[in-house]
Structures are given as C-alpha cells and as structure tokens.
Amino acid sequence: MPDLSFLPSLRTVADSHGLRARRSLGQNFLFDENLLDRIAEQTGDLSQKTVIEIGPGPGGLTRAMLRAGANRIIALEKDTRCIAALASLVDAADGHLRVVEGDALDGGFRDLAGNASVVVGNLPFNIATELLMHLLESDLEPVRMILMFQKEVANRIVAGPGSKAYGRLSVLVQWQCEVKTCFDVPASAFVPAPKVQATVLRITPRDTPAFPASRTSLQAVTSAAFGQRRKTLRNSLSSAFDDAKAAATKAGLDPNLRAEAVDLEGFCRLATVHEQLFSSAG
C-alpha cells in the first residue's frame, strides 16, 4: 500500500487548484475521509482486481481505495481541472493509479481494464441512470459495481413489484444484476450540498440473466407497460403488441393487471412472447 500520509488534505487540493463543483458536470465532492473509507470498504478485496473509477474529482475515493489496498485503479475524468489536481496522487500511488482523460459515456472500458474489473463511482446525479445502463450494455463485464446515486433513483433500482418506485429501471437492472443497498449519504456530506440525499448501491452482475429474455424485447415491453403505468396491461401494451390482451395471456399474465404488479419473471415471459411474435413476423 503506497504511503499517502504526506499528501495535503482534499480541501487543500481542491482550493489550490480552484476546484469548485460545476453544476453542468453534476459535480458534488466528498471530503469526509471516514465516509470515503466506508464506501471503499464496500468494494471488497481489490488486491487482485483492476478498479475503474468514474469521475474521481479531487481524488477522495481514489485515496480511500488505495488505502484499502487496491492493486490498480484507472480513473476516468473529463474535467481537466481535476486531472491536474490528481497529479500528486498519481505520483504518490507509485504505479497503482492511472488517470485517463475522457467521458465515461464514451465507453472503451475493456480496452482500459480487461476482465474482472470493479467499477466504482460517485456518479453525477444528472447522468447516473444513463451511465448505469451504458455500463450494463457494454462488454466490460465487471464482477461488481459500487455506485452512488440520488436516493430516489437508488430506490427505483432496488424496488420490487407492488412498490410505487418499481418501474422499468428496476426490471432492466435486476434482470442482469443482484442489487443491494449499502447505506445512505446525507446531503450535508457533499460540497456543495445538493437538495437530495444519496445512496450507495452494490450492483453485482449475474453470470446469466435472471430469466431468459431478449434485451431488445424486454426494453420494448417495459417501455410500453410503464409508459402508461396507471393503465392495465391490455391497454398499456397496445404500443408493443397488435393484440395486447392475447400477448399478456400467452405470457401467463392477467391482462387486467397494471405494470407495477408484474414481477421480473413475468416481464421476461412477456418479452419472450414479444420476441417470438416479431421474429416470426420478420
């Protein structure tokens, strides 16, 4: 583990480089080392893993993971101010840290890290959902992801049937991953403080999806069903099927149910019906 004890405080680094969080980048910095260490603990054993950190900012979580024994960290950062602020940490990390300038939404993760990667990040709230879906649809194949979201979004990701938070995001993420809430982070912990709380999630990709389904068809049926979530399936699915009632029945679902009452397996059966119908039509 590299010696980081001589480095200036995170606040000092931010101040000396004129790092003020930019709303356009969705930035909210964390300076509390106890909290940062707690997040790093959720990553598990990193001694044999490559970590991809999305948006390291001034390097608080990066430091915490190095203290926790991370073998190799590749930090993706699009803000050139932060890249300059991370230079002293790169030197102190003694080969364990590489900073790459770029936008995480541009992908190319596998070229950077190879297989068996851990993805970590205090995600910008304004693009967090888009980033997560991008990660799940990429070829990175991480063994786990420790990501921070706005609490409302995190609740949607982990929600189950019957909950008001349950929706398309819940189904698409849980189809591919096991999800667990680690802990909440109060707004006051951030600089500047946002108007909402945050939540740290542990997202573990499954070796195979929870149930057989085509991604494209699952996206189509969940978009239709939750796009009009107050309507029953026989009505809401009309944009995805010529005969929504028959499709729901074929999937073993009551056409009079609303989307929030259909579990993950039910949506996967519906996606299978969708795929069969449209593949035969083509």
C-alpha atoms as a PDB file:
ATOM      1  CA  MET A   1       0.000   0.000   0.000  1.00  0.00           C
ATOM      2  CA  PRO A   2       1.523   3.357  -1.000  1.00  0.00           C
ATOM      3  CA  ASP A   3       2.169   5.985   1.643  1.00  0.00           C
ATOM      4  CA  LEU A   4      -0.314   8.818   1.198  1.00  0.00           C
ATOM      5  CA  SER A   5       0.138  10.394   4.617  1.00  0.00           C
ATOM      6  CA  PHE A   6       2.230  13.300   3.308  1.00  0.00           C
ATOM      7  CA  LEU A   7      -0.424  14.458   0.826  1.00  0.00           C
ATOM      8  CA  PRO A   8      -2.327  17.671   1.586  1.00  0.00           C
ATOM      9  CA  SER A   9      -5.967  17.412   2.617  1.00  0.00           C
ATOM     10  CA  LEU A  10      -8.615  17.029  -0.068  1.00  0.00           C
ATOM     11  CA  ARG A  11      -9.963  20.501   0.675  1.00  0.00           C
ATOM     12  CA  THR A  12      -6.477  21.947   0.288  1.00  0.00           C
ATOM     13  CA  VAL A  13      -6.046  20.178  -3.045  1.00  0.00           C
ATOM     14  CA  ALA A  14      -9.412  21.456  -4.255  1.00  0.00           C
ATOM     15  CA  ASP A  15      -8.681  25.014  -3.122  1.00  0.00           C
ATOM     16  CA  SER A  16      -5.171  25.119  -4.575  1.00  0.00           C
ATOM     17  CA  HIS A  17      -6.463  24.025  -7.978  1.00  0.00           C
ATOM     18  CA  GLY A  18      -9.537  26.239  -7.913  1.00  0.00           C
ATOM     19  CA  LEU A  19     -11.819  23.225  -7.919  1.00  0.00           C
ATOM     20  CA  ARG A  20     -15.353  24.441  -7.484  1.00  0.00           C
ATOM     21  CA  ALA A  21     -18.021  21.903  -8.300  1.00  0.00           C
ATOM     22  CA  ARG A  22     -19.674  22.634 -11.623  1.00  0.00           C
ATOM     23  CA  ARG A  23     -23.410  22.112 -11.909  1.00  0.00           C
ATOM     24  CA  SER A  24     -23.057  21.421 -15.635  1.00  0.00           C
ATOM     25  CA  LEU A  25     -20.959  18.356 -14.788  1.00  0.00           C
ATOM     26  CA  GLY A  26     -23.235  17.234 -11.949  1.00  0.00           C
ATOM     27  CA  GLN A  27     -20.328  17.525  -9.512  1.00  0.00           C
ATOM     28  CA  ASN A  28     -20.697  17.214  -5.741  1.00  0.00           C
ATOM     29  CA  PHE A  29     -17.450  16.473  -3.925  1.00  0.00           C
ATOM     30  CA  LEU A  30     -16.921  14.350  -0.805  1.00  0.00           C
ATOM     31  CA  PHE A  31     -14.142  15.348   1.606  1.00  0.00           C
ATOM     32  CA  ASP A  32     -15.040  13.269   4.696  1.00  0.00           C
ATOM     33  CA  GLU A  33     -12.343  10.570   4.843  1.00  0.00           C
ATOM     34  CA  ASN A  34     -14.322   8.366   7.233  1.00  0.00           C
ATOM     35  CA  LEU A  35     -17.231   8.320   4.802  1.00  0.00           C
ATOM     36  CA  LEU A  36     -14.912   7.736   1.844  1.00  0.00           C
ATOM     37  CA  ASP A  37     -13.276   4.816   3.667  1.00  0.00           C
ATOM     38  CA  ARG A  38     -16.729   3.389   4.360  1.00  0.00           C
ATOM     39  CA  ILE A  39     -17.563   3.492   0.651  1.00  0.00           C
ATOM     40  CA  ALA A  40     -14.215   1.876  -0.199  1.00  0.00           C
ATOM     41  CA  GLU A  41     -14.981  -0.954   2.235  1.00  0.00           C
ATOM     42  CA  GLN A  42     -17.962  -1.920   0.086  1.00  0.00           C
ATOM     43  CA  THR A  43     -15.671  -2.751  -2.847  1.00  0.00           C
ATOM     44  CA  GLY A  44     -14.324  -5.899  -1.216  1.00  0.00           C
ATOM     45  CA  ASP A  45     -10.859  -7.302  -1.814  1.00  0.00           C
ATOM     46  CA  LEU A  46      -9.186  -5.250  -4.533  1.00  0.00           C
ATOM     47  CA  SER A  47      -5.709  -6.735  -4.215  1.00  0.00           C
ATOM     48  CA  GLN A  48      -6.063  -8.718  -7.453  1.00  0.00           C
ATOM     49  CA  LYS A  49      -8.548  -6.506  -9.272  1.00  0.00           C
ATOM     50  CA  THR A  50      -8.458  -3.567 -11.646  1.00  0.00           C
ATOM     51  CA  VAL A  51     -10.766  -0.783 -10.494  1.00  0.00           C
ATOM     52  CA  ILE A  52     -12.360   1.653 -12.895  1.00  0.00           C
ATOM     53  CA  GLU A  53     -13.357   4.794 -11.040  1.00  0.00           C
ATOM     54  CA  ILE A  54     -15.790   7.088 -12.801  1.00  0.00           C
ATOM     55  CA  GLY A  55     -15.249  10.760 -12.058  1.00  0.00           C
ATOM     56  CA  PRO A  56     -12.623  10.799  -9.277  1.00  0.00           C
ATOM     57  CA  GLY A  57     -12.811  14.580  -8.851  1.00  0.00           C
ATOM     58  CA  PRO A  58     -10.092  15.686  -6.394  1.00  0.00           C
ATOM     59  CA  GLY A  59      -9.384  12.033  -5.558  1.00  0.00           C
ATOM     60  CA  GLY A  60     -11.090  11.374  -2.234  1.00  0.00           C
ATOM     61  CA  LEU A  61     -12.491   7.951  -3.049  1.00  0.00           C
ATOM     62  CA  THR A  62      -9.332   7.153  -5.018  1.00  0.00           C
ATOM     63  CA  ARG A  63      -7.262   7.721  -1.891  1.00  0.00           C
ATOM     64  CA  ALA A  64      -9.621   5.575   0.168  1.00  0.00           C
ATOM     65  CA  MET A  65      -9.316   2.647  -2.261  1.00  0.00           C
ATOM     66  CA  LEU A  66      -5.531   2.942  -2.313  1.00  0.00           C
ATOM     67  CA  ARG A  67      -5.547   2.888   1.493  1.00  0.00           C
ATOM     68  CA  ALA A  68      -7.720  -0.227   1.274  1.00  0.00           C
ATOM     69  CA  GLY A  69      -5.092  -1.990  -0.829  1.00  0.00           C
ATOM     70  CA  ALA A  70      -6.325  -1.516  -4.407  1.00  0.00           C
ATOM     71  CA  ASN A  71      -3.855  -3.080  -6.822  1.00  0.00           C
ATOM     72  CA  ARG A  72      -4.662  -0.980  -9.892  1.00  0.00           C
ATOM     73  CA  ILE A  73      -7.011   1.949 -10.368  1.00  0.00           C
ATOM     74  CA  ILE A  74      -7.890   3.523 -13.691  1.00  0.00           C
ATOM     75  CA  ALA A  75      -9.674   6.801 -13.062  1.00  0.00           C
ATOM     76  CA  LEU A  76     -11.765   8.257 -15.892  1.00  0.00           C
ATOM     77  CA  GLU A  77     -12.133  12.016 -15.585  1.00  0.00           C
ATOM     78  CA  LYS A  78     -13.452  14.542 -18.113  1.00  0.00           C
ATOM     79  CA  ASP A  79     -12.735  17.681 -16.073  1.00  0.00           C
ATOM     80  CA  THR A  80      -9.196  18.843 -16.878  1.00  0.00           C
ATOM     81  CA  ARG A  81      -9.055  20.793 -13.596  1.00  0.00           C
ATOM     82  CA  CYS A  82      -9.423  17.526 -11.680  1.00  0.00           C
ATOM     83  CA  ILE A  83      -6.776  15.797 -13.780  1.00  0.00           C
ATOM     84  CA  ALA A  84      -4.284  18.457 -12.731  1.00  0.00           C
ATOM     85  CA  ALA A  85      -5.362  18.104  -9.095  1.00  0.00           C
ATOM     86  CA  LEU A  86      -4.777  14.330  -9.239  1.00  0.00           C
ATOM     87  CA  ALA A  87      -1.159  14.596 -10.424  1.00  0.00           C
ATOM     88  CA  SER A  88       0.378  14.454  -6.927  1.00  0.00           C
ATOM     89  CA  LEU A  89      -1.787  11.441  -6.067  1.00  0.00           C
ATOM     90  CA  VAL A  90      -0.626   9.630  -9.206  1.00  0.00           C
ATOM     91  CA  ASP A  91       2.973  10.169  -8.110  1.00  0.00           C
ATOM     92  CA  ALA A  92       2.263   9.046  -4.547  1.00  0.00           C
ATOM     93  CA  ALA A  93       0.392   5.942  -5.734  1.00  0.00           C
ATOM     94  CA  ASP A  94       3.648   4.535  -7.084  1.00  0.00           C
ATOM     95  CA  GLY A  95       2.235   2.845 -10.182  1.00  0.00           C
ATOM     96  CA  HIS A  96      -1.124   1.808  -8.703  1.00  0.00           C
ATOM     97  CA  LEU A  97      -3.074   4.703 -10.272  1.00  0.00           C
ATOM     98  CA  ARG A  98      -3.561   5.830 -13.837  1.00  0.00           C
ATOM     99  CA  VAL A  99      -5.724   8.819 -14.739  1.00  0.00           C
ATOM    100  CA  VAL A 100      -7.344   8.857 -18.169  1.00  0.00           C
ATOM    101  CA  GLU A 101      -8.977  11.954 -19.582  1.00  0.00           C
ATOM    102  CA  GLY A 102     -12.326  11.136 -21.127  1.00  0.00           C
ATOM    103  CA  ASP A 103     -16.061  10.810 -20.776  1.00  0.00           C
ATOM    104  CA  ALA A 104     -17.265   7.538 -19.225  1.00  0.00           C
ATOM    105  CA  LEU A 105     -20.247   7.583 -21.571  1.00  0.00           C
ATOM    106  CA  ASP A 106     -17.857   7.126 -24.485  1.00  0.00           C
ATOM    107  CA  GLY A 107     -17.096   3.579 -23.284  1.00  0.00           C
ATOM    108  CA  GLY A 108     -13.961   1.700 -24.277  1.00  0.00           C
ATOM    109  CA  PHE A 109     -13.777   0.231 -20.766  1.00  0.00           C
ATOM    110  CA  ARG A 110     -12.465  -3.175 -21.753  1.00  0.00           C
ATOM    111  CA  ASP A 111      -9.535  -1.634 -23.637  1.00  0.00           C
ATOM    112  CA  LEU A 112      -8.598   0.097 -20.413  1.00  0.00           C
ATOM    113  CA  ALA A 113      -9.092  -2.607 -17.844  1.00  0.00           C
ATOM    114  CA  GLY A 114      -9.594  -6.084 -19.252  1.00  0.00           C
ATOM    115  CA  ASN A 115     -11.802  -8.574 -17.445  1.00  0.00           C
ATOM    116  CA  ALA A 116     -12.707  -8.963 -13.751  1.00  0.00           C
ATOM    117  CA  SER A 117     -12.941  -5.229 -13.106  1.00  0.00           C
ATOM    118  CA  VAL A 118     -14.651  -3.436 -10.263  1.00  0.00           C
ATOM    119  CA  VAL A 119     -16.452  -0.227 -11.192  1.00  0.00           C
ATOM    120  CA  VAL A 120     -16.708   2.477  -8.545  1.00  0.00           C
ATOM    121  CA  GLY A 121     -18.049   5.981  -8.632  1.00  0.00           C
ATOM    122  CA  ASN A 122     -19.822   8.876  -7.009  1.00  0.00           C
ATOM    123  CA  LEU A 123     -21.903   9.310 -10.149  1.00  0.00           C
ATOM    124  CA  PRO A 124     -23.095  12.725 -11.335  1.00  0.00           C
ATOM    125  CA  PHE A 125     -26.794  12.723 -10.475  1.00  0.00           C
ATOM    126  CA  ASN A 126     -27.782  14.192 -13.845  1.00  0.00           C
ATOM    127  CA  ILE A 127     -26.404  11.255 -15.870  1.00  0.00           C
ATOM    128  CA  ALA A 128     -26.317   8.434 -13.311  1.00  0.00           C
ATOM    129  CA  THR A 129     -29.128   6.353 -14.829  1.00  0.00           C
ATOM    130  CA  GLU A 130     -27.741   6.739 -18.337  1.00  0.00           C
ATOM    131  CA  LEU A 131     -24.279   5.770 -17.116  1.00  0.00           C
ATOM    132  CA  LEU A 132     -25.569   2.661 -15.359  1.00  0.00           C
ATOM    133  CA  MET A 133     -27.441   1.432 -18.430  1.00  0.00           C
ATOM    134  CA  HIS A 134     -24.386   2.161 -20.554  1.00  0.00           C
ATOM    135  CA  LEU A 135     -22.261   0.038 -18.227  1.00  0.00           C
ATOM    136  CA  LEU A 136     -24.753  -2.828 -18.302  1.00  0.00           C
ATOM    137  CA  GLU A 137     -24.911  -2.797 -22.093  1.00  0.00           C
ATOM    138  CA  SER A 138     -21.137  -2.549 -22.554  1.00  0.00           C
ATOM    139  CA  ASP A 139     -18.773  -5.512 -22.861  1.00  0.00           C
ATOM    140  CA  LEU A 140     -16.894  -4.625 -19.690  1.00  0.00           C
ATOM    141  CA  GLU A 141     -18.327  -7.486 -17.585  1.00  0.00           C
ATOM    142  CA  PRO A 142     -17.343  -6.169 -14.126  1.00  0.00           C
ATOM    143  CA  VAL A 143     -17.516  -8.537 -11.181  1.00  0.00           C
ATOM    144  CA  ARG A 144     -19.209  -5.832  -9.104  1.00  0.00           C
ATOM    145  CA  MET A 145     -20.046  -2.162  -9.091  1.00  0.00           C
ATOM    146  CA  ILE A 146     -20.173   0.165  -6.094  1.00  0.00           C
ATOM    147  CA  LEU A 147     -22.019   3.247  -7.259  1.00  0.00           C
ATOM    148  CA  MET A 148     -23.641   6.244  -5.626  1.00  0.00           C
ATOM    149  CA  PHE A 149     -26.968   7.565  -6.881  1.00  0.00           C
ATOM    150  CA  GLN A 150     -29.533  10.106  -5.879  1.00  0.00           C
ATOM    151  CA  LYS A 151     -31.606   8.294  -3.237  1.00  0.00           C
ATOM    152  CA  GLU A 152     -34.780   8.412  -5.330  1.00  0.00           C
ATOM    153  CA  VAL A 153     -33.018   6.733  -8.259  1.00  0.00           C
ATOM    154  CA  ALA A 154     -31.427   4.128  -5.981  1.00  0.00           C
ATOM    155  CA  ASN A 155     -34.872   3.304  -4.594  1.00  0.00           C
ATOM    156  CA  ARG A 156     -36.128   2.734  -8.130  1.00  0.00           C
ATOM    157  CA  ILE A 157     -33.219   0.417  -8.922  1.00  0.00           C
ATOM    158  CA  VAL A 158     -33.817  -1.873  -5.922  1.00  0.00           C
ATOM    159  CA  ALA A 159     -37.632  -1.694  -5.852  1.00  0.00           C
ATOM    160  CA  GLY A 160     -39.813  -4.782  -6.163  1.00  0.00           C
ATOM    161  CA  PRO A 161     -43.333  -5.341  -7.564  1.00  0.00           C
ATOM    162  CA  GLY A 162     -46.127  -3.509  -5.790  1.00  0.00           C
ATOM    163  CA  SER A 163     -43.968  -0.539  -4.914  1.00  0.00           C
ATOM    164  CA  LYS A 164     -44.529   2.923  -6.347  1.00  0.00           C
ATOM    165  CA  ALA A 165     -40.773   3.057  -7.028  1.00  0.00           C
ATOM    166  CA  TYR A 166     -40.906  -0.161  -9.073  1.00  0.00           C
ATOM    167  CA  GLY A 167     -40.537   0.515 -12.768  1.00  0.00           C
ATOM    168  CA  ARG A 168     -38.670  -0.092 -15.979  1.00  0.00           C
ATOM    169  CA  LEU A 169     -35.297   0.695 -14.395  1.00  0.00           C
ATOM    170  CA  SER A 170     -35.943  -1.870 -11.626  1.00  0.00           C
ATOM    171  CA  VAL A 171     -36.706  -4.616 -14.151  1.00  0.00           C
ATOM    172  CA  LEU A 172     -33.847  -3.921 -16.554  1.00  0.00           C
ATOM    173  CA  VAL A 173     -31.196  -3.704 -13.824  1.00  0.00           C
ATOM    174  CA  GLN A 174     -32.433  -6.661 -11.761  1.00  0.00           C
ATOM    175  CA  TRP A 175     -32.677  -8.821 -14.888  1.00  0.00           C
ATOM    176  CA  GLN A 176     -28.908  -8.545 -15.229  1.00  0.00           C
ATOM    177  CA  CYS A 177     -27.770  -7.911 -11.665  1.00  0.00           C
ATOM    178  CA  GLU A 178     -28.285  -8.547  -7.997  1.00  0.00           C
ATOM    179  CA  VAL A 179     -28.671  -5.219  -6.224  1.00  0.00           C
ATOM    180  CA  LYS A 180     -28.173  -4.290  -2.588  1.00  0.00           C
ATOM    181  CA  THR A 181     -28.474  -1.021  -0.703  1.00  0.00           C
ATOM    182  CA  CYS A 182     -25.303  -0.331   1.277  1.00  0.00           C
ATOM    183  CA  PHE A 183     -26.142   2.927   3.072  1.00  0.00           C
ATOM    184  CA  ASP A 184     -27.464   6.442   2.590  1.00  0.00           C
ATOM    185  CA  VAL A 185     -25.309   9.555   2.420  1.00  0.00           C
ATOM    186  CA  PRO A 186     -26.815  12.805   3.757  1.00  0.00           C
ATOM    187  CA  ALA A 187     -26.841  15.867   1.544  1.00  0.00           C
ATOM    188  CA  SER A 188     -24.726  17.681   4.119  1.00  0.00           C
ATOM    189  CA  ALA A 189     -21.774  15.357   3.384  1.00  0.00           C
ATOM    190  CA  PHE A 190     -21.300  16.872  -0.074  1.00  0.00           C
ATOM    191  CA  VAL A 191     -19.652  20.093  -1.191  1.00  0.00           C
ATOM    192  CA  PRO A 192     -21.745  21.835  -2.315  1.00  0.00           C
ATOM    193  CA  ALA A 193     -24.678  20.180  -0.584  1.00  0.00           C
ATOM    194  CA  PRO A 194     -27.344  19.042  -3.076  1.00  0.00           C
ATOM    195  CA  LYS A 195     -31.046  19.238  -2.276  1.00  0.00           C
ATOM    196  CA  VAL A 196     -31.353  15.445  -2.050  1.00  0.00           C
ATOM    197  CA  GLN A 197     -29.793  12.519  -0.238  1.00  0.00           C
ATOM    198  CA  ALA A 198     -27.633   9.931  -1.962  1.00  0.00           C
ATOM    199  CA  THR A 199     -27.445   6.148  -1.620  1.00  0.00           C
ATOM    200  CA  VAL A 200     -24.564   3.769  -2.207  1.00  0.00           C
ATOM    201  CA  LEU A 201     -25.538   0.577  -4.033  1.00  0.00           C
ATOM    202  CA  ARG A 202     -23.653  -2.668  -4.542  1.00  0.00           C
ATOM    203  CA  ILE A 203     -24.576  -3.981  -8.002  1.00  0.00           C
ATOM    204  CA  THR A 204     -23.344  -7.475  -8.870  1.00  0.00           C
ATOM    205  CA  PRO A 205     -23.808  -8.600 -12.478  1.00  0.00           C
ATOM    206  CA  ARG A 206     -25.225 -12.105 -12.833  1.00  0.00           C
ATOM    207  CA  ASP A 207     -23.341 -14.761 -14.810  1.00  0.00           C
ATOM    208  CA  THR A 208     -26.523 -15.136 -16.844  1.00  0.00           C
ATOM    209  CA  PRO A 209     -29.716 -13.038 -16.763  1.00  0.00           C
ATOM    210  CA  ALA A 210     -32.245 -13.925 -14.074  1.00  0.00           C
ATOM    211  CA  PHE A 211     -34.677 -15.317 -16.685  1.00  0.00           C
ATOM    212  CA  PRO A 212     -34.424 -15.946 -20.428  1.00  0.00           C
ATOM    213  CA  ALA A 213     -35.335 -12.864 -22.467  1.00  0.00           C
ATOM    214  CA  SER A 214     -34.132 -10.709 -25.321  1.00  0.00           C
ATOM    215  CA  ARG A 215     -32.784  -7.363 -24.143  1.00  0.00           C
ATOM    216  CA  THR A 216     -34.469  -5.561 -27.035  1.00  0.00           C
ATOM    217  CA  SER A 217     -37.847  -7.158 -26.343  1.00  0.00           C
ATOM    218  CA  LEU A 218     -37.560  -6.614 -22.597  1.00  0.00           C
ATOM    219  CA  GLN A 219     -36.823  -2.947 -23.226  1.00  0.00           C
ATOM    220  CA  ALA A 220     -39.831  -2.731 -25.552  1.00  0.00           C
ATOM    221  CA  VAL A 221     -42.389  -4.341 -23.243  1.00  0.00           C
ATOM    222  CA  THR A 222     -41.243  -2.475 -20.121  1.00  0.00           C
ATOM    223  CA  SER A 223     -41.276   0.818 -22.018  1.00  0.00           C
ATOM    224  CA  ALA A 224     -44.846   0.182 -23.105  1.00  0.00           C
ATOM    225  CA  ALA A 225     -46.101  -1.144 -19.751  1.00  0.00           C
ATOM    226  CA  PHE A 226     -44.543   1.506 -17.521  1.00  0.00           C
ATOM    227  CA  GLY A 227     -45.058   4.283 -20.043  1.00  0.00           C
ATOM    228  CA  GLN A 228     -48.735   4.123 -19.082  1.00  0.00           C
ATOM    229  CA  ARG A 229     -48.409   2.541 -15.660  1.00  0.00           C
ATOM    230  CA  ARG A 230     -51.892   3.557 -14.481  1.00  0.00           C
ATOM    231  CA  LYS A 231     -53.466   1.529 -17.282  1.00  0.00           C
ATOM    232  CA  THR A 232     -53.919  -2.226 -17.300  1.00  0.00           C
ATOM    233  CA  LEU A 233     -51.712  -4.412 -19.496  1.00  0.00           C
ATOM    234  CA  ARG A 234     -54.478  -4.902 -22.057  1.00  0.00           C
ATOM    235  CA  ASN A 235     -54.266  -1.149 -22.715  1.00  0.00           C
ATOM    236  CA  SER A 236     -50.686  -0.162 -21.891  1.00  0.00           C
ATOM    237  CA  LEU A 237     -49.147  -2.898 -24.061  1.00  0.00           C
ATOM    238  CA  SER A 238     -51.014  -1.815 -27.170  1.00  0.00           C
ATOM    239  CA  SER A 239     -47.932   0.041 -28.417  1.00  0.00           C
ATOM    240  CA  ALA A 240     -45.859  -3.158 -28.233  1.00  0.00           C
ATOM    241  CA  PHE A 241     -48.399  -5.737 -29.479  1.00  0.00           C
ATOM    242  CA  ASP A 242     -51.187  -5.812 -32.054  1.00  0.00           C
ATOM    243  CA  ASP A 243     -53.268  -7.782 -29.553  1.00  0.00           C
ATOM    244  CA  ALA A 244     -52.121  -6.794 -26.060  1.00  0.00           C
ATOM    245  CA  LYS A 245     -54.685  -8.927 -24.250  1.00  0.00           C
ATOM    246  CA  ALA A 246     -53.676 -12.071 -26.154  1.00  0.00           C
ATOM    247  CA  ALA A 247     -49.962 -11.356 -25.582  1.00  0.00           C
ATOM    248  CA  ALA A 248     -50.411 -10.922 -21.836  1.00  0.00           C
ATOM    249  CA  THR A 249     -52.489 -14.091 -21.636  1.00  0.00           C
ATOM    250  CA  LYS A 250     -49.902 -16.050 -23.614  1.00  0.00           C
ATOM    251  CA  ALA A 251     -47.268 -14.874 -21.126  1.00  0.00           C
ATOM    252  CA  GLY A 252     -49.397 -16.223 -18.275  1.00  0.00           C
ATOM    253  CA  LEU A 253     -50.369 -12.769 -17.058  1.00  0.00           C
ATOM    254  CA  ASP A 254     -53.763 -11.360 -16.178  1.00  0.00           C
ATOM    255  CA  PRO A 255     -54.416  -8.632 -18.808  1.00  0.00           C
ATOM    256  CA  ASN A 256     -56.199  -6.628 -16.114  1.00  0.00           C
ATOM    257  CA  LEU A 257     -53.025  -6.218 -14.054  1.00  0.00           C
ATOM    258  CA  ARG A 258     -51.080  -2.982 -14.014  1.00  0.00           C
ATOM    259  CA  ALA A 259     -47.346  -2.978 -14.736  1.00  0.00           C
ATOM    260  CA  GLU A 260     -46.340  -2.444 -11.100  1.00  0.00           C
ATOM    261  CA  ALA A 261     -47.938  -5.798 -10.197  1.00  0.00           C
ATOM    262  CA  VAL A 262     -45.887  -7.816 -12.704  1.00  0.00           C
ATOM    263  CA  ASP A 263     -42.670  -9.332 -11.359  1.00  0.00           C
ATOM    264  CA  LEU A 264     -39.367  -9.742 -13.172  1.00  0.00           C
ATOM    265  CA  GLU A 265     -40.135 -13.251 -14.358  1.00  0.00           C
ATOM    266  CA  GLY A 266     -43.493 -12.101 -15.728  1.00  0.00           C
ATOM    267  CA  PHE A 267     -41.866  -9.342 -17.774  1.00  0.00           C
ATOM    268  CA  CYS A 268     -39.311 -11.807 -19.112  1.00  0.00           C
ATOM    269  CA  ARG A 269     -42.109 -14.144 -20.232  1.00  0.00           C
ATOM    270  CA  LEU A 270     -43.807 -11.182 -21.891  1.00  0.00           C
ATOM    271  CA  ALA A 271     -40.530 -10.280 -23.625  1.00  0.00           C
ATOM    272  CA  THR A 272     -40.257 -13.850 -24.907  1.00  0.00           C
ATOM    273  CA  VAL A 273     -43.746 -13.598 -26.403  1.00  0.00           C
ATOM    274  CA  HIS A 274     -42.761 -10.288 -27.989  1.00  0.00           C
ATOM    275  CA  GLU A 275     -39.595 -11.779 -29.482  1.00  0.00           C
ATOM    276  CA  GLN A 276     -41.463 -14.818 -30.836  1.00  0.00           C
ATOM    277  CA  LEU A 277     -44.147 -12.704 -32.470  1.00  0.00           C
ATOM    278  CA  PHE A 278     -41.782 -10.262 -34.111  1.00  0.00           C
ATOM    279  CA  SER A 279     -39.195 -12.831 -35.197  1.00  0.00           C
ATOM    280  CA  SER A 280     -41.927 -14.875 -36.904  1.00  0.00           C
ATOM    281  CA  ALA A 281     -43.338 -11.726 -38.499  1.00  0.00           C
ATOM    282  CA  GLY A 282     -39.922 -10.851 -39.879  1.00  0.00           C
END
